[in-house]
Amino acid sequence: YLLRPRRKDTLTGNNHAALVGEAGGFISPSSAEGISYALKSSYALAMSLKDGIGDFQKRYKKNLRPVLRSITFKQMKSPGMYNQTIRGMVIKSGILSSKRLSNQD
C-alpha cells in the first residue's frame, strides 16, 4: 500500500538544518519515486546557499517553487496510479515503460 504525498507534506527544515529529497517529503505522488526530487531539491538548496547562509531558508523556499509545482501537477494524475486495478492495467499495457536499449542495433 502506497501513501500519496501531498504538497503540504513538504518541509524545508529550519534556520539550522535543511531537508532535501525524501527527508523533506519531495516524492512523486504518481510514481512514489524520489531520486529526481532529491537531485532537484539539493540543487535548489545549493543555489540558496551560494549567497551565504543568512536567510537561506527564504531563498530555498523560493527556489523550490518549480519542484512544488511539479508535485502538485503529478498529484492531479496520481489517483489512477493508486487504484490497484487501474495501476495494474497501466503496468500491463507498457504505456509508461521505457524503451529497452540494446547493443545489437
N, C-alpha and C. Protein backbone atom coordinates (compact mmCIF):
# COMPACT_ATOMS: atom_id res chain seq x y z
N TYR A 1 0.84 -1.17 0.00
CA TYR A 1 0.00 0.00 0.00
C TYR A 1 0.88 1.23 0.00
N LEU A 2 0.60 2.17 -0.90
CA LEU A 2 1.38 3.40 -1.00
C LEU A 2 0.58 4.58 -0.48
N LEU A 3 1.24 5.43 0.29
CA LEU A 3 0.62 6.67 0.73
C LEU A 3 1.03 7.77 -0.22
N ARG A 4 0.07 8.51 -0.74
CA ARG A 4 0.37 9.59 -1.66
C ARG A 4 0.84 10.81 -0.89
N PRO A 5 2.03 11.33 -1.21
CA PRO A 5 2.45 12.58 -0.58
C PRO A 5 1.64 13.74 -1.14
N ARG A 6 1.44 14.73 -0.32
CA ARG A 6 0.74 15.94 -0.75
C ARG A 6 1.72 17.11 -0.65
N ARG A 7 1.46 18.15 -1.41
CA ARG A 7 2.36 19.30 -1.40
C ARG A 7 2.51 19.85 0.02
N LYS A 8 1.44 19.87 0.78
CA LYS A 8 1.54 20.42 2.13
C LYS A 8 2.37 19.53 3.05
N ASP A 9 2.71 18.33 2.59
CA ASP A 9 3.54 17.43 3.39
C ASP A 9 5.03 17.74 3.23
N THR A 10 5.39 18.69 2.37
CA THR A 10 6.80 19.00 2.17
C THR A 10 7.29 19.97 3.23
N LEU A 11 8.54 19.76 3.64
CA LEU A 11 9.18 20.60 4.65
C LEU A 11 10.56 20.99 4.15
N THR A 12 10.99 22.20 4.50
CA THR A 12 12.32 22.63 4.07
C THR A 12 13.33 22.63 5.21
N GLY A 13 12.88 22.42 6.42
CA GLY A 13 13.78 22.43 7.57
C GLY A 13 13.60 23.71 8.37
N ASN A 14 14.72 24.18 8.97
CA ASN A 14 14.67 25.43 9.74
C ASN A 14 15.96 26.21 9.47
N ASN A 15 16.27 27.19 10.28
CA ASN A 15 17.46 28.02 10.05
C ASN A 15 18.76 27.30 10.38
N HIS A 16 18.69 26.13 10.97
CA HIS A 16 19.89 25.37 11.35
C HIS A 16 20.09 24.12 10.50
N ALA A 17 19.05 23.69 9.82
CA ALA A 17 19.13 22.46 9.01
C ALA A 17 18.18 22.58 7.83
N ALA A 18 18.58 21.97 6.72
CA ALA A 18 17.74 21.96 5.53
C ALA A 18 17.38 20.51 5.20
N LEU A 19 16.18 20.31 4.72
CA LEU A 19 15.73 18.98 4.31
C LEU A 19 15.63 18.93 2.79
N VAL A 20 16.16 17.87 2.22
CA VAL A 20 16.11 17.67 0.77
C VAL A 20 15.56 16.27 0.49
N GLY A 21 15.10 16.06 -0.73
CA GLY A 21 14.64 14.73 -1.14
C GLY A 21 13.54 14.19 -0.26
N GLU A 22 13.59 12.91 -0.01
CA GLU A 22 12.54 12.24 0.76
C GLU A 22 12.45 12.76 2.19
N ALA A 23 13.57 13.23 2.75
CA ALA A 23 13.55 13.79 4.11
C ALA A 23 12.63 15.00 4.19
N GLY A 24 12.52 15.74 3.09
CA GLY A 24 11.65 16.90 3.04
C GLY A 24 10.27 16.59 2.48
N GLY A 25 10.03 15.35 2.13
CA GLY A 25 8.74 14.96 1.57
C GLY A 25 8.64 15.19 0.07
N PHE A 26 9.77 15.39 -0.59
CA PHE A 26 9.78 15.62 -2.03
C PHE A 26 9.79 14.28 -2.76
N ILE A 27 8.60 13.72 -2.93
CA ILE A 27 8.41 12.41 -3.55
C ILE A 27 7.32 12.55 -4.60
N SER A 28 7.48 11.88 -5.71
CA SER A 28 6.48 11.94 -6.76
C SER A 28 5.19 11.27 -6.31
N PRO A 29 4.07 12.00 -6.30
CA PRO A 29 2.80 11.39 -5.92
C PRO A 29 2.31 10.34 -6.91
N SER A 30 2.76 10.42 -8.16
CA SER A 30 2.25 9.48 -9.16
C SER A 30 3.08 8.21 -9.24
N SER A 31 4.38 8.30 -8.99
CA SER A 31 5.23 7.11 -9.13
C SER A 31 5.88 6.67 -7.83
N ALA A 32 5.80 7.50 -6.80
CA ALA A 32 6.41 7.25 -5.49
C ALA A 32 7.94 7.19 -5.57
N GLU A 33 8.52 7.74 -6.62
CA GLU A 33 9.98 7.78 -6.71
C GLU A 33 10.47 9.08 -6.10
N GLY A 34 11.73 9.09 -5.70
CA GLY A 34 12.24 10.28 -5.05
C GLY A 34 13.58 10.78 -5.54
N ILE A 35 14.29 10.02 -6.38
CA ILE A 35 15.65 10.42 -6.75
C ILE A 35 15.66 11.73 -7.53
N SER A 36 14.74 11.92 -8.46
CA SER A 36 14.75 13.17 -9.23
C SER A 36 14.46 14.37 -8.33
N TYR A 37 13.56 14.19 -7.37
CA TYR A 37 13.27 15.29 -6.45
C TYR A 37 14.40 15.49 -5.45
N ALA A 38 15.13 14.44 -5.12
CA ALA A 38 16.31 14.60 -4.27
C ALA A 38 17.34 15.47 -4.96
N LEU A 39 17.56 15.20 -6.24
CA LEU A 39 18.53 15.98 -7.01
C LEU A 39 18.06 17.42 -7.20
N LYS A 40 16.79 17.59 -7.53
CA LYS A 40 16.26 18.94 -7.76
C LYS A 40 16.24 19.77 -6.47
N SER A 41 15.85 19.16 -5.36
CA SER A 41 15.82 19.91 -4.11
C SER A 41 17.23 20.19 -3.60
N SER A 42 18.17 19.28 -3.85
CA SER A 42 19.57 19.52 -3.48
C SER A 42 20.14 20.69 -4.28
N TYR A 43 19.81 20.74 -5.56
CA TYR A 43 20.26 21.85 -6.40
C TYR A 43 19.65 23.17 -5.93
N ALA A 44 18.36 23.14 -5.60
CA ALA A 44 17.69 24.35 -5.09
C ALA A 44 18.36 24.82 -3.81
N LEU A 45 18.74 23.89 -2.94
CA LEU A 45 19.43 24.26 -1.70
C LEU A 45 20.80 24.84 -2.01
N ALA A 46 21.55 24.21 -2.91
CA ALA A 46 22.88 24.71 -3.27
C ALA A 46 22.79 26.14 -3.80
N MET A 47 21.82 26.40 -4.66
CA MET A 47 21.64 27.76 -5.20
C MET A 47 21.25 28.74 -4.09
N SER A 48 20.54 28.25 -3.08
CA SER A 48 20.13 29.09 -1.96
C SER A 48 21.30 29.44 -1.06
N LEU A 49 22.29 28.58 -1.01
CA LEU A 49 23.45 28.79 -0.14
C LEU A 49 24.59 29.54 -0.81
N LYS A 50 24.54 29.72 -2.11
CA LYS A 50 25.67 30.34 -2.80
C LYS A 50 25.89 31.79 -2.38
N ASP A 51 24.84 32.45 -1.88
CA ASP A 51 24.98 33.83 -1.40
C ASP A 51 25.15 33.90 0.11
N GLY A 52 25.44 32.77 0.74
CA GLY A 52 25.67 32.74 2.18
C GLY A 52 24.54 32.03 2.90
N ILE A 53 24.80 31.77 4.17
CA ILE A 53 23.84 31.00 4.96
C ILE A 53 22.73 31.88 5.53
N GLY A 54 22.99 33.17 5.67
CA GLY A 54 21.97 34.07 6.22
C GLY A 54 20.71 34.09 5.37
N ASP A 55 19.59 33.83 5.99
CA ASP A 55 18.28 33.86 5.33
C ASP A 55 18.16 32.86 4.18
N PHE A 56 18.94 31.77 4.25
CA PHE A 56 18.92 30.79 3.15
C PHE A 56 17.57 30.10 3.01
N GLN A 57 16.84 29.92 4.11
CA GLN A 57 15.56 29.22 4.03
C GLN A 57 14.56 29.97 3.14
N LYS A 58 14.58 31.29 3.21
CA LYS A 58 13.69 32.08 2.36
C LYS A 58 14.03 31.85 0.88
N ARG A 59 15.31 31.86 0.56
CA ARG A 59 15.74 31.62 -0.83
C ARG A 59 15.46 30.18 -1.23
N TYR A 60 15.66 29.24 -0.31
CA TYR A 60 15.42 27.83 -0.59
C TYR A 60 13.95 27.61 -0.96
N LYS A 61 13.04 28.17 -0.17
CA LYS A 61 11.61 28.03 -0.47
C LYS A 61 11.27 28.61 -1.83
N LYS A 62 11.88 29.74 -2.16
CA LYS A 62 11.64 30.35 -3.48
C LYS A 62 12.18 29.46 -4.59
N ASN A 63 13.38 28.92 -4.40
CA ASN A 63 13.99 28.06 -5.41
C ASN A 63 13.27 26.72 -5.58
N LEU A 64 12.50 26.33 -4.58
CA LEU A 64 11.75 25.07 -4.64
C LEU A 64 10.40 25.21 -5.36
N ARG A 65 10.01 26.40 -5.73
CA ARG A 65 8.69 26.59 -6.35
C ARG A 65 8.48 25.69 -7.56
N PRO A 66 9.44 25.56 -8.49
CA PRO A 66 9.21 24.65 -9.62
C PRO A 66 9.01 23.19 -9.19
N VAL A 67 9.73 22.78 -8.16
CA VAL A 67 9.60 21.41 -7.64
C VAL A 67 8.20 21.22 -7.06
N LEU A 68 7.75 22.19 -6.30
CA LEU A 68 6.42 22.09 -5.68
C LEU A 68 5.32 22.12 -6.73
N ARG A 69 5.51 22.91 -7.79
CA ARG A 69 4.52 22.91 -8.89
C ARG A 69 4.47 21.54 -9.55
N SER A 70 5.63 20.93 -9.73
CA SER A 70 5.69 19.60 -10.34
C SER A 70 4.96 18.57 -9.47
N ILE A 71 5.16 18.64 -8.17
CA ILE A 71 4.49 17.72 -7.26
C ILE A 71 2.98 17.92 -7.34
N THR A 72 2.54 19.17 -7.39
CA THR A 72 1.11 19.47 -7.49
C THR A 72 0.53 18.90 -8.77
N PHE A 73 1.23 19.08 -9.90
CA PHE A 73 0.76 18.56 -11.18
C PHE A 73 0.66 17.03 -11.14
N LYS A 74 1.69 16.39 -10.61
CA LYS A 74 1.68 14.92 -10.54
C LYS A 74 0.60 14.42 -9.59
N GLN A 75 0.29 15.24 -8.61
CA GLN A 75 -0.77 14.86 -7.67
C GLN A 75 -2.12 14.74 -8.38
N MET A 76 -2.31 15.57 -9.40
CA MET A 76 -3.58 15.53 -10.15
C MET A 76 -3.73 14.22 -10.93
N LYS A 77 -2.62 13.66 -11.41
CA LYS A 77 -2.72 12.43 -12.20
C LYS A 77 -2.55 11.16 -11.36
N SER A 78 -2.20 11.32 -10.11
CA SER A 78 -1.87 10.15 -9.29
C SER A 78 -3.03 9.28 -8.82
N PRO A 79 -4.27 9.78 -8.69
CA PRO A 79 -5.32 8.88 -8.17
C PRO A 79 -5.44 7.57 -8.94
N GLY A 80 -5.29 7.62 -10.25
CA GLY A 80 -5.36 6.40 -11.04
C GLY A 80 -4.23 5.44 -10.75
N MET A 81 -3.08 5.96 -10.39
CA MET A 81 -1.93 5.11 -10.11
C MET A 81 -2.03 4.45 -8.74
N TYR A 82 -2.94 4.92 -7.91
CA TYR A 82 -3.11 4.32 -6.59
C TYR A 82 -4.35 3.44 -6.52
N ASN A 83 -5.03 3.29 -7.63
CA ASN A 83 -6.13 2.35 -7.73
C ASN A 83 -5.52 1.05 -8.27
N GLN A 84 -5.61 -0.02 -7.51
CA GLN A 84 -4.94 -1.27 -7.84
C GLN A 84 -5.30 -1.77 -9.24
N THR A 85 -6.56 -1.69 -9.61
CA THR A 85 -6.99 -2.18 -10.93
C THR A 85 -6.41 -1.32 -12.05
N ILE A 86 -6.56 0.00 -11.92
CA ILE A 86 -6.04 0.90 -12.96
C ILE A 86 -4.53 0.80 -13.06
N ARG A 87 -3.85 0.78 -11.91
CA ARG A 87 -2.39 0.68 -11.91
C ARG A 87 -1.95 -0.61 -12.62
N GLY A 88 -2.62 -1.71 -12.34
CA GLY A 88 -2.29 -2.98 -12.99
C GLY A 88 -2.46 -2.92 -14.50
N MET A 89 -3.54 -2.27 -14.95
CA MET A 89 -3.77 -2.14 -16.39
C MET A 89 -2.70 -1.27 -17.05
N VAL A 90 -2.31 -0.19 -16.39
CA VAL A 90 -1.27 0.69 -16.95
C VAL A 90 0.05 -0.05 -17.03
N ILE A 91 0.41 -0.77 -15.98
CA ILE A 91 1.67 -1.51 -15.97
C ILE A 91 1.66 -2.59 -17.05
N LYS A 92 0.56 -3.34 -17.16
CA LYS A 92 0.47 -4.40 -18.18
C LYS A 92 0.51 -3.85 -19.59
N SER A 93 -0.05 -2.67 -19.79
CA SER A 93 -0.09 -2.09 -21.14
C SER A 93 1.30 -1.66 -21.61
N GLY A 94 2.18 -1.35 -20.67
CA GLY A 94 3.52 -0.89 -21.03
C GLY A 94 3.55 0.55 -21.50
N ILE A 95 2.44 1.25 -21.36
CA ILE A 95 2.35 2.62 -21.87
C ILE A 95 3.36 3.56 -21.20
N LEU A 96 3.72 3.31 -19.96
CA LEU A 96 4.66 4.17 -19.26
C LEU A 96 6.07 3.58 -19.20
N SER A 97 6.30 2.47 -19.89
CA SER A 97 7.60 1.82 -19.81
C SER A 97 8.61 2.51 -20.72
N SER A 98 9.86 2.35 -20.38
CA SER A 98 10.95 2.92 -21.16
C SER A 98 11.35 1.96 -22.27
N LYS A 99 11.86 2.51 -23.35
CA LYS A 99 12.33 1.69 -24.45
C LYS A 99 13.63 1.00 -24.03
N ARG A 100 13.73 -0.27 -24.30
CA ARG A 100 14.91 -1.04 -23.94
C ARG A 100 16.00 -0.78 -24.98
N LEU A 101 17.18 -0.45 -24.49
CA LEU A 101 18.31 -0.19 -25.38
C LEU A 101 19.14 -1.46 -25.52
N SER A 102 19.68 -1.67 -26.69
CA SER A 102 20.46 -2.87 -26.95
C SER A 102 21.68 -2.52 -27.79
N ASN A 103 22.76 -3.26 -27.60
CA ASN A 103 23.97 -3.07 -28.39
C ASN A 103 23.85 -3.71 -29.77
N GLN A 104 22.78 -4.45 -30.00
CA GLN A 104 22.62 -5.17 -31.25
C GLN A 104 22.04 -4.30 -32.36
N ASP A 105 21.61 -3.11 -32.06
CA ASP A 105 21.01 -2.23 -33.09
C ASP A 105 22.05 -1.57 -33.95
